Amino acid sequence: MSPVATAPAPAPSYLRPDQLAEVLDRHARWIKGQPGGARANLALADLEGADLAQRDLRGARLVGAKLARCRLSGTNLAGADLFGVDLRDADITRANLMQTDLRGARLRSADFSNANLRGADLRAGTLEPGGAARRGTGSDAHPDAQDAEATRQAHRTALARLQGGATAEGGIPTDLTGAVLAGANLTEADLCGAVLQNADLTGAVLTDANLSGARLNGANLTGALLDGATFDNADLVGTRMVDCDLSQAKLGSACLTRPIDSMGSEIQRAIFDHERWIDSVGQRGERAELDGTDLSRADLRGVNLSAASLRGANLSDAALTGARLMMADLSGANLERANLMGADLSGANLSFARLTGADLTRVNLGPAEIKDPSGRPTGRSWAANLMGADLRQAMLTDSRMVQANLTDADLESADLDGADLAGAKLQRAHLKGKVPRRR
């Protein structure tokens, strides 16, 4: 179908309900080939929280649009251009996203349950040509030169916004952290380099999907169909793959979890004795001394290492979801890309620790209650110490950092959306990037 007309690209501003209604009405007529129709061009538009459920938005242009917390349940977005779109916390259940261009999209905590993402392009957002929305399907299979140049310009603008005006060659990875993709159809989808940390992919269809270089640590793939799926160089540390047939999957050089029982008897004994020490309030076992220990890629989900000494330890890429690390000494430790989602780090010492790219979503970094030797509260507390910590690109969404010491900490490009920084010390802290939204 050739479009009757193409509406001009809107400025990055909020659309009034009547303006949005007119755009959607003209798009519906464009889809049907009726007079007065125009393809919806909502590039860079702010539509946060809008109700677009059950709409037919095939081939629509939503490049860089803000659709966070929108309702798109059952919406037909086949062949739409969603490059760099913000769909965080959106309801996209049962939506049709076949052959959509989702490169560089922000999809954190979005619900894609039972959605159709067959052939979708979820690679990093770059200015390279060849997105899935232009693979020869849908109503925009053969755009003219002027139309193609307008699309390239929209992508360039969206990419600049994503990168704060910069244009790094590596592009912006598509972020599906914590997204719900249960039962979703991802057949032949290109997820190369996508961030799927802690995502729910139970029962998803990933037949012939490309997950090369994807980050899946903490993701749940229970019962997923993986025939022909490629995981070359993918991060599978802490990935749950129960009831999965991997016989036809291509694991290549995938990075897998190191179970505790593969780390040597000394480390196993130290963790076991430490948990006994915690449970008996110091009467049995002994405090773990794991300073400088290599625990990279270790599966330590739910472990209790409260008050343990882990100074300078290597915990890079470790799975620490739900771990208890209250008042633990992690000063100078390497926690780069570690998955600490939901962990309790209250009162912990993370001074000068490296936490670049770590997932600290819903982590407790508030003060720890100090108790006497018998376990009774003293009425005093001990604040978490992140002095000089490297938190660049860390995910601190909905984290609790009340009274935390962040003096000289580097939080460049960290995601602080919903974080509680009440009473935190921020002297000389580098806070360039996303700031906490109002609670």
Foldseek 3Di string as FASTA:
>chain_A
DDFPEADDADDLEEDDPVRVVLLLVLCVCRVVVHPSHYARHDQNYEQDQAEPDLGENDQHEHHLYEHDQYEHDQYEHDLHEDDLYEHDQYEHDQYEHDQYEDALYEHEAYEHEAYEHEAAEQAFQALDDDGSSQPQDTPPVDPDPVVVVSVSVSSVVSQCVVVVNDHDHRHHGHEHDQYEHDQYEHHQYENDLHEHDLYEHDQYEQALYEDDNYEHANYEHENYEAANYEHACYECQNYHHHPYDCPRYHNHNYHYADEPVNQDDVSVLLQVLCVVCVVVLNPGGDAREQAQAECDSYAQDQGENAQHEHDQYEHDQHEHDQYEHDQYEHDQHEHDQYEHANYEHALHEHAQYEHENYECEQYEQAWAFDDPSVRHTPPDTHGYEHDLYEQDQYEHALYERDLYEDHNYEHAQYACANYHHHNYHCHNYHNHHHDYDDD
